[in-house]
């Protein structure tokens, strides 16, 4: 059977990529727990172990999520109209940002009051203007931009989208085209050094470097979707095992380099900037591909636990931060050891949002936002709502 036809037959059974998307979101919960150990709220010294795990996850997590978003975009527009799909994404990504503004407390570590009222409540009670903050949902804002561009391209020249998705990837194209692009974009993603990309903090703000860096992974994902031979090559142990080991050493090495400088993580020369960012960009790409490869190699079927994680990962990520900060911060102040702080913080970041989901979200049309209409058990007799349901 032709590789392309074989792939199209098997595509609906790629449970590993659904799992990876959920895994990337759940790793965000752990990442935000570990972040507290970089500059502990109790004034204690940063933890080296937490820093190593943090920098490793941080290197690949969001690029992986963007790549998978591109992958599922290319898969979905084979089955449905591009315009309807883009509108579906705009709703399902935009509503959580509205929820952030309406009901999720703002976190302000620079004041005595760690939590501030949500923006909508602050405006209604105290007439405080909206800042349109993004917090941990900045990546949804970028995806909104990407889907908006997709919708615009579809209106202007639909052939451009087909050209992107029909361009199959290979290791040659990865190393000759995409790796140089990511290396060139890496200094723009981290223009002043440090371990964090230059991401937007408010709606309407654009950080061109980080947006183009993430857009590159999104486009790689769109091209991977039909790249059958490349997907098979990624699953080979002789690729993903050495890549995973060697590339994992890069962010850890950069962490050690940055910590030894007189001014931590500040570039002292242009050469240093290009070398550090080039290594960081290369590690991000190869770690994403190797993690994708090992996942497809090891996970070939779904199950109740896997399906549950996939279903709950999105609402968990949207609602987790206030639970993680409050529980981890309190545990740290009370003098619990680091392992218990991490355990309590991660558990609260899962259990808190799960409680919100089953107590509130699952009983409302919000479940259509988080899981799509077909995967949601919520139904209504309202004719208006049922008409809206087709956009979910």
Protein backbone atom coordinates (compact mmCIF):
# COMPACT_ATOMS: atom_id res chain seq x y z
CA UNK A 1 0.00 0.00 0.00
CA UNK A 2 1.20 3.51 -0.82
CA UNK A 3 2.67 5.27 2.22
CA UNK A 4 0.25 8.19 1.88
CA UNK A 5 -2.82 5.96 1.69
CA UNK A 6 -1.51 3.81 4.54
CA UNK A 7 -1.06 6.93 6.65
CA UNK A 8 -4.52 8.30 5.88
CA UNK A 9 -6.01 4.96 6.96
CA UNK A 10 -4.07 5.00 10.23
CA UNK A 11 -4.26 8.69 11.05
CA UNK A 12 -7.31 8.47 13.32
CA UNK A 13 -5.45 5.97 15.47
CA UNK A 14 -2.55 8.28 16.29
CA UNK A 15 -3.46 8.35 19.96
CA UNK A 16 0.14 9.15 20.80
CA UNK A 17 -0.16 12.68 19.42
CA UNK A 18 -3.39 13.34 21.31
CA UNK A 19 -1.55 12.17 24.42
CA UNK A 20 1.43 14.39 23.61
CA UNK A 21 -0.79 17.46 23.31
CA UNK A 22 -2.32 16.71 26.72
CA UNK A 23 1.13 15.88 28.14
CA UNK A 24 2.54 19.23 26.98
CA UNK A 25 -0.28 21.07 28.75
CA UNK A 26 0.10 19.04 31.96
CA UNK A 27 3.86 19.65 31.96
CA UNK A 28 2.92 23.33 32.12
CA UNK A 29 1.41 22.68 35.55
CA UNK A 30 4.66 21.11 36.77
CA UNK A 31 6.65 23.90 35.14
CA UNK A 32 4.77 26.56 37.10
CA UNK A 33 5.37 24.65 40.34
CA UNK A 34 9.10 24.45 39.61
CA UNK A 35 9.17 28.14 38.69
CA UNK A 36 8.61 28.97 42.36
CA UNK A 37 11.98 27.40 43.17
CA UNK A 38 13.84 29.68 40.74
CA UNK A 39 13.08 32.72 42.91
CA UNK A 40 11.43 31.25 46.04
CA UNK A 41 8.70 33.33 47.64
CA UNK A 42 10.19 32.69 51.10
CA UNK A 43 13.48 34.35 50.11
CA UNK A 44 15.53 31.15 50.20
CA UNK A 45 18.18 30.16 47.65
CA UNK A 46 17.14 28.87 44.19
CA UNK A 47 17.11 25.07 43.87
CA UNK A 48 19.54 23.61 41.34
CA UNK A 49 17.57 20.39 40.78
CA UNK A 50 14.35 22.25 40.11
CA UNK A 51 16.20 24.62 37.77
CA UNK A 52 17.58 21.72 35.70
CA UNK A 53 14.18 20.06 35.32
CA UNK A 54 12.57 23.42 34.60
CA UNK A 55 14.98 24.41 31.82
CA UNK A 56 14.70 20.97 30.20
CA UNK A 57 10.89 21.03 30.08
CA UNK A 58 10.82 24.70 29.12
CA UNK A 59 13.06 24.07 26.09
CA UNK A 60 10.65 21.74 24.30
CA UNK A 61 7.17 22.03 25.85
CA UNK A 62 5.69 25.02 24.03
CA UNK A 63 7.43 24.32 20.70
CA UNK A 64 5.98 20.79 20.89
CA UNK A 65 2.50 22.16 21.57
CA UNK A 66 2.77 24.56 18.63
CA UNK A 67 3.97 21.78 16.32
CA UNK A 68 1.05 19.58 17.35
CA UNK A 69 -1.37 22.48 16.84
CA UNK A 70 -0.08 22.75 13.27
CA UNK A 71 -0.32 18.99 12.80
CA UNK A 72 -3.96 18.84 13.87
CA UNK A 73 -4.76 21.94 11.83
CA UNK A 74 -3.49 20.25 8.66
CA UNK A 75 -5.39 17.07 9.57
CA UNK A 76 -8.66 18.90 10.29
CA UNK A 77 -8.73 21.03 7.13
CA UNK A 78 -8.61 17.82 5.09
CA UNK A 79 -11.99 16.92 6.56
CA UNK A 80 -13.74 20.28 6.89
CA UNK A 81 -13.91 23.75 5.39
CA UNK A 82 -10.94 25.94 6.35
CA UNK A 83 -13.18 28.89 7.21
CA UNK A 84 -15.40 26.87 9.57
CA UNK A 85 -12.38 25.27 11.18
CA UNK A 86 -10.63 28.61 11.74
CA UNK A 87 -13.83 30.07 13.24
CA UNK A 88 -14.11 27.02 15.53
CA UNK A 89 -10.54 27.60 16.72
CA UNK A 90 -11.09 31.32 17.23
CA UNK A 91 -14.04 30.57 19.53
CA UNK A 92 -12.43 27.70 21.44
CA UNK A 93 -9.22 29.65 22.00
CA UNK A 94 -10.77 33.05 22.59
CA UNK A 95 -13.34 32.08 25.23
CA UNK A 96 -10.70 30.85 27.76
CA UNK A 97 -8.99 34.25 27.48
CA UNK A 98 -12.36 35.88 28.25
CA UNK A 99 -12.68 33.53 31.23
CA UNK A 100 -9.23 34.65 32.39
CA UNK A 101 -10.35 38.28 32.36
CA UNK A 102 -13.73 37.58 33.95
CA UNK A 103 -13.17 35.16 36.82
CA UNK A 104 -9.52 34.10 37.27
CA UNK A 105 -7.62 36.19 39.86
CA UNK A 106 -4.57 38.08 38.69
CA UNK A 107 -1.29 37.03 40.31
CA UNK A 108 0.99 39.85 41.44
CA UNK A 109 4.14 38.58 43.15
CA UNK A 110 5.45 42.11 43.55
CA UNK A 111 2.92 43.12 46.23
CA UNK A 112 1.83 41.88 49.65
CA UNK A 113 -1.48 40.80 48.14
CA UNK A 114 -0.47 37.87 45.95
CA UNK A 115 -3.86 37.70 44.22
CA UNK A 116 -5.78 40.61 42.72
CA UNK A 117 -9.39 40.65 41.62
CA UNK A 118 -10.13 39.46 38.08
CA UNK A 119 -10.18 42.30 35.58
CA UNK A 120 -13.93 42.29 34.99
CA UNK A 121 -14.71 42.41 38.72
CA UNK A 122 -12.09 45.14 39.28
CA UNK A 123 -13.72 47.18 36.52
CA UNK A 124 -17.26 46.68 37.81
CA UNK A 125 -16.43 47.36 41.48
CA UNK A 126 -13.63 49.90 41.30
CA UNK A 127 -13.73 51.17 37.71
CA UNK A 128 -10.15 49.97 37.14
CA UNK A 129 -9.44 49.81 33.38
CA UNK A 130 -8.81 46.46 31.73
CA UNK A 131 -5.17 45.57 31.10
CA UNK A 132 -6.20 42.61 28.93
CA UNK A 133 -3.54 40.46 30.59
CA UNK A 134 -2.59 37.09 29.10
CA UNK A 135 -0.66 35.41 31.93
CA UNK A 136 -0.13 31.71 31.16
CA UNK A 137 -2.54 31.81 28.20
CA UNK A 138 -0.23 33.85 25.96
CA UNK A 139 0.15 30.88 23.62
CA UNK A 140 -3.61 30.88 22.95
CA UNK A 141 -3.22 34.48 21.82
CA UNK A 142 -0.51 33.44 19.36
CA UNK A 143 -2.68 30.60 18.08
CA UNK A 144 -5.53 33.07 17.60
CA UNK A 145 -3.20 35.09 15.38
CA UNK A 146 -2.12 31.98 13.46
CA UNK A 147 -5.72 30.89 12.83
CA UNK A 148 -6.63 34.45 11.86
CA UNK A 149 -3.83 34.41 9.27
CA UNK A 150 -5.04 30.99 8.10
CA UNK A 151 -8.55 32.38 7.63
CA UNK A 152 -7.17 35.39 5.74
CA UNK A 153 -5.04 33.16 3.49
CA UNK A 154 -8.06 31.03 2.75
CA UNK A 155 -9.97 34.12 1.62
CA UNK A 156 -7.12 35.50 -0.50
CA UNK A 157 -5.41 32.42 -1.93
CA UNK A 158 -6.50 28.95 -0.73
CA UNK A 159 -3.70 27.41 -2.79
CA UNK A 160 -1.16 28.81 -0.32
CA UNK A 161 -2.53 26.59 2.46
CA UNK A 162 -2.47 23.55 0.18
CA UNK A 163 1.12 24.37 -0.78
CA UNK A 164 2.14 24.39 2.89
CA UNK A 165 0.39 21.14 3.81
CA UNK A 166 1.52 19.30 0.66
CA UNK A 167 5.19 20.08 1.28
CA UNK A 168 6.43 16.86 2.86
CA UNK A 169 9.27 16.96 5.36
CA UNK A 170 12.47 14.95 5.52
CA UNK A 171 15.57 15.13 7.68
CA UNK A 172 17.26 16.93 4.79
CA UNK A 173 14.63 19.71 4.80
CA UNK A 174 14.68 19.86 8.59
CA UNK A 175 18.45 20.45 8.72
CA UNK A 176 18.77 22.57 5.57
CA UNK A 177 15.63 24.72 5.91
CA UNK A 178 13.99 24.70 9.32
CA UNK A 179 17.00 24.40 11.60
CA UNK A 180 18.74 27.47 10.08
CA UNK A 181 15.46 29.41 10.30
CA UNK A 182 15.08 28.57 13.99
CA UNK A 183 18.72 29.43 14.69
CA UNK A 184 18.24 32.81 12.98
CA UNK A 185 15.04 33.46 14.93
CA UNK A 186 16.39 32.35 18.32
CA UNK A 187 18.16 35.65 19.12
CA UNK A 188 14.90 37.47 18.38
CA UNK A 189 13.05 35.07 20.66
CA UNK A 190 15.49 35.79 23.51
CA UNK A 191 16.95 39.21 22.63
CA UNK A 192 18.38 40.00 26.07
CA UNK A 193 19.49 36.52 27.12
CA UNK A 194 17.93 34.62 29.98
CA UNK A 195 15.98 31.39 29.83
CA UNK A 196 12.59 32.85 28.92
CA UNK A 197 11.41 33.90 25.48
CA UNK A 198 10.18 37.44 24.94
CA UNK A 199 6.46 36.66 25.15
CA UNK A 200 3.45 39.03 25.12
CA UNK A 201 1.88 39.92 28.46
CA UNK A 202 -1.27 41.70 27.24
CA UNK A 203 -3.75 41.20 24.40
CA UNK A 204 -2.77 43.32 21.39
CA UNK A 205 0.94 43.20 22.21
CA UNK A 206 3.11 41.46 19.64
CA UNK A 207 6.59 40.12 20.32
CA UNK A 208 7.66 39.46 16.75
CA UNK A 209 10.65 37.28 17.60
CA UNK A 210 8.86 34.78 19.80
CA UNK A 211 5.80 34.79 17.53
CA UNK A 212 7.86 33.88 14.45
CA UNK A 213 9.79 31.28 16.46
CA UNK A 214 6.53 29.59 17.53
CA UNK A 215 4.99 30.04 14.07
CA UNK A 216 7.91 28.05 12.64
CA UNK A 217 7.02 25.06 14.79
CA UNK A 218 3.36 25.49 13.82
CA UNK A 219 4.30 25.36 10.12
CA UNK A 220 6.57 22.35 10.70
CA UNK A 221 3.57 20.61 12.27
CA UNK A 222 1.40 21.40 9.26
CA UNK A 223 4.01 19.85 6.98
CA UNK A 224 4.68 16.81 9.16
CA UNK A 225 1.04 15.73 8.93
CA UNK A 226 1.46 14.22 5.45
CA UNK A 227 5.13 13.31 5.82
CA UNK A 228 4.63 9.57 6.24
CA UNK A 229 8.20 8.45 5.71
CA UNK A 230 9.51 11.16 8.03
CA UNK A 231 7.05 10.13 10.77
CA UNK A 232 8.24 6.55 10.45
CA UNK A 233 11.87 7.65 10.68
CA UNK A 234 11.13 9.63 13.86
CA UNK A 235 9.90 6.43 15.52
CA UNK A 236 13.19 4.62 14.97
CA UNK A 237 15.09 4.16 18.21
CA UNK A 238 18.40 4.98 16.58
CA UNK A 239 17.04 8.51 16.04
CA UNK A 240 15.05 9.39 19.13
CA UNK A 241 17.23 7.78 21.81
CA UNK A 242 20.57 9.51 21.01
CA UNK A 243 18.77 12.75 20.08
CA UNK A 244 16.88 12.77 23.37
CA UNK A 245 20.01 12.12 25.43
CA UNK A 246 22.39 14.48 23.62
CA UNK A 247 19.95 17.36 23.14
CA UNK A 248 18.82 17.15 26.77
CA UNK A 249 22.38 18.03 27.78
CA UNK A 250 22.26 21.30 25.80
CA UNK A 251 19.77 23.27 27.96
CA UNK A 252 21.40 21.89 31.12
CA UNK A 253 24.81 23.03 29.83
CA UNK A 254 23.42 26.46 28.95
CA UNK A 255 21.97 26.69 32.46
CA UNK A 256 25.41 26.01 33.91
CA UNK A 257 27.00 28.54 31.55
CA UNK A 258 24.47 31.22 32.43
CA UNK A 259 24.82 30.66 36.15
CA UNK A 260 28.62 31.05 36.09
CA UNK A 261 28.61 34.45 34.38
CA UNK A 262 29.19 37.67 36.32
CA UNK A 263 25.80 38.82 35.08
CA UNK A 264 23.73 35.62 34.92
CA UNK A 265 22.29 34.85 31.47
CA UNK A 266 23.32 38.21 29.98
CA UNK A 267 25.22 37.98 26.69
CA UNK A 268 28.63 39.63 26.75
CA UNK A 269 29.19 39.51 22.97
CA UNK A 270 27.38 38.97 19.67
CA UNK A 271 29.22 35.67 19.16
CA UNK A 272 28.10 34.45 22.57
CA UNK A 273 24.51 35.41 21.75
CA UNK A 274 24.51 33.47 18.47
CA UNK A 275 26.18 30.39 19.94
CA UNK A 276 23.87 30.20 22.98
CA UNK A 277 20.69 30.89 21.04
CA UNK A 278 21.72 28.63 18.18
CA UNK A 279 22.26 25.75 20.56
CA UNK A 280 18.97 26.51 22.32
CA UNK A 281 16.99 26.61 19.05
CA UNK A 282 18.62 23.42 17.79
CA UNK A 283 17.88 21.62 21.07
CA UNK A 284 14.25 22.76 20.96
CA UNK A 285 13.69 21.34 17.47
CA UNK A 286 15.49 18.04 17.99
CA UNK A 287 13.97 17.47 21.43
CA UNK A 288 10.49 18.06 20.00
CA UNK A 289 11.10 15.59 17.16
CA UNK A 290 12.65 12.96 19.44
CA UNK A 291 9.85 13.24 22.04
CA UNK A 292 7.34 12.95 19.22
CA UNK A 293 9.20 9.89 17.93
CA UNK A 294 9.37 8.07 21.25
CA UNK A 295 5.70 8.79 21.90
CA UNK A 296 4.60 7.34 18.56
CA UNK A 297 6.92 4.37 19.14
CA UNK A 298 5.59 3.57 22.62
CA UNK A 299 1.90 4.58 22.50
CA UNK A 300 -0.26 2.84 19.92
CA UNK A 301 -3.69 2.67 21.58
CA UNK A 302 -5.92 4.65 23.90
CA UNK A 303 -7.56 3.71 27.18
CA UNK A 304 -9.82 5.20 29.87
CA UNK A 305 -7.00 6.99 31.71
CA UNK A 306 -5.45 8.34 28.50
CA UNK A 307 -8.83 9.54 27.24
CA UNK A 308 -9.53 11.21 30.61
CA UNK A 309 -6.19 13.05 30.52
CA UNK A 310 -6.83 14.22 26.97
CA UNK A 311 -10.32 15.45 27.88
CA UNK A 312 -9.28 17.31 31.03
CA UNK A 313 -5.88 18.69 30.00
CA UNK A 314 -7.23 21.91 28.45
CA UNK A 315 -9.44 23.03 31.39
CA UNK A 316 -6.69 21.92 33.80
CA UNK A 317 -4.22 24.24 32.12
CA UNK A 318 -6.60 27.19 31.94
CA UNK A 319 -7.53 27.08 35.66
CA UNK A 320 -4.40 25.62 37.31
CA UNK A 321 -2.20 28.64 38.02
CA UNK A 322 -4.11 30.13 40.97
CA UNK A 323 -4.14 26.74 42.72
CA UNK A 324 -0.45 26.07 42.06
CA UNK A 325 0.72 29.48 43.31
CA UNK A 326 -1.47 29.52 46.43
CA UNK A 327 -0.83 25.93 47.56
CA UNK A 328 2.88 25.80 46.64
CA UNK A 329 3.53 29.23 48.10
CA UNK A 330 1.72 28.41 51.34
CA UNK A 331 3.54 25.06 51.64
CA UNK A 332 6.87 26.80 51.12
CA UNK A 333 6.13 29.42 53.79
CA UNK A 334 5.07 26.68 56.23
CA UNK A 335 8.47 25.05 55.87
CA UNK A 336 7.55 21.87 54.00
CA UNK A 337 10.43 20.22 52.18
CA UNK A 338 10.81 20.78 48.44
CA UNK A 339 9.37 17.39 47.46
CA UNK A 340 6.16 18.03 49.42
CA UNK A 341 5.87 21.57 48.05
CA UNK A 342 6.16 20.17 44.52
CA UNK A 343 3.71 17.33 45.21
CA UNK A 344 1.11 19.58 46.85
CA UNK A 345 1.45 22.23 44.17
CA UNK A 346 1.16 19.79 41.26
CA UNK A 347 -1.73 17.89 42.88
CA UNK A 348 -3.63 21.11 43.56
CA UNK A 349 -2.98 22.23 39.98
CA UNK A 350 -4.75 19.07 38.80
CA UNK A 351 -7.47 18.56 41.42
CA UNK A 352 -8.58 22.21 41.63
CA UNK A 353 -9.32 22.58 37.90
CA UNK A 354 -10.84 19.07 37.74
CA UNK A 355 -13.27 20.11 40.50
CA UNK A 356 -14.17 23.28 38.58
CA UNK A 357 -14.68 21.24 35.43
CA UNK A 358 -17.05 18.67 36.93
CA UNK A 359 -18.87 21.15 39.19
CA UNK A 360 -19.37 23.94 36.65
CA UNK A 361 -17.95 23.53 33.15
CA UNK A 362 -19.36 20.09 32.30
CA UNK A 363 -22.91 21.33 33.03
CA UNK A 364 -22.70 24.30 30.68
CA UNK A 365 -21.92 25.12 27.02
CA UNK A 366 -18.38 25.88 28.23
CA UNK A 367 -17.78 22.16 27.83
CA UNK A 368 -18.18 22.68 24.08
CA UNK A 369 -15.33 25.19 24.28
CA UNK A 370 -12.96 22.83 26.08
CA UNK A 371 -13.87 19.51 24.43
CA UNK A 372 -15.87 20.33 21.31
CA UNK A 373 -19.56 19.67 20.80
CA UNK A 374 -19.15 16.06 19.64
CA UNK A 375 -17.03 15.08 22.65
CA UNK A 376 -19.21 16.89 25.19
CA UNK A 377 -22.11 15.28 27.04
CA UNK A 378 -23.82 18.62 27.57
CA UNK A 379 -26.91 19.13 25.44
CA UNK A 380 -29.61 21.78 25.47
CA UNK A 381 -33.13 22.21 24.10
CA UNK A 382 -32.44 25.84 23.22
CA UNK A 383 -32.76 26.35 19.47
CA UNK A 384 -30.33 29.27 19.59
CA UNK A 385 -27.68 27.30 21.45
CA UNK A 386 -28.07 24.33 19.13
CA UNK A 387 -27.45 26.61 16.16
CA UNK A 388 -24.30 27.89 17.86
CA UNK A 389 -23.20 24.31 18.58
CA UNK A 390 -22.16 23.78 14.97
CA UNK A 391 -19.29 26.23 15.49
CA UNK A 392 -17.82 24.03 18.24
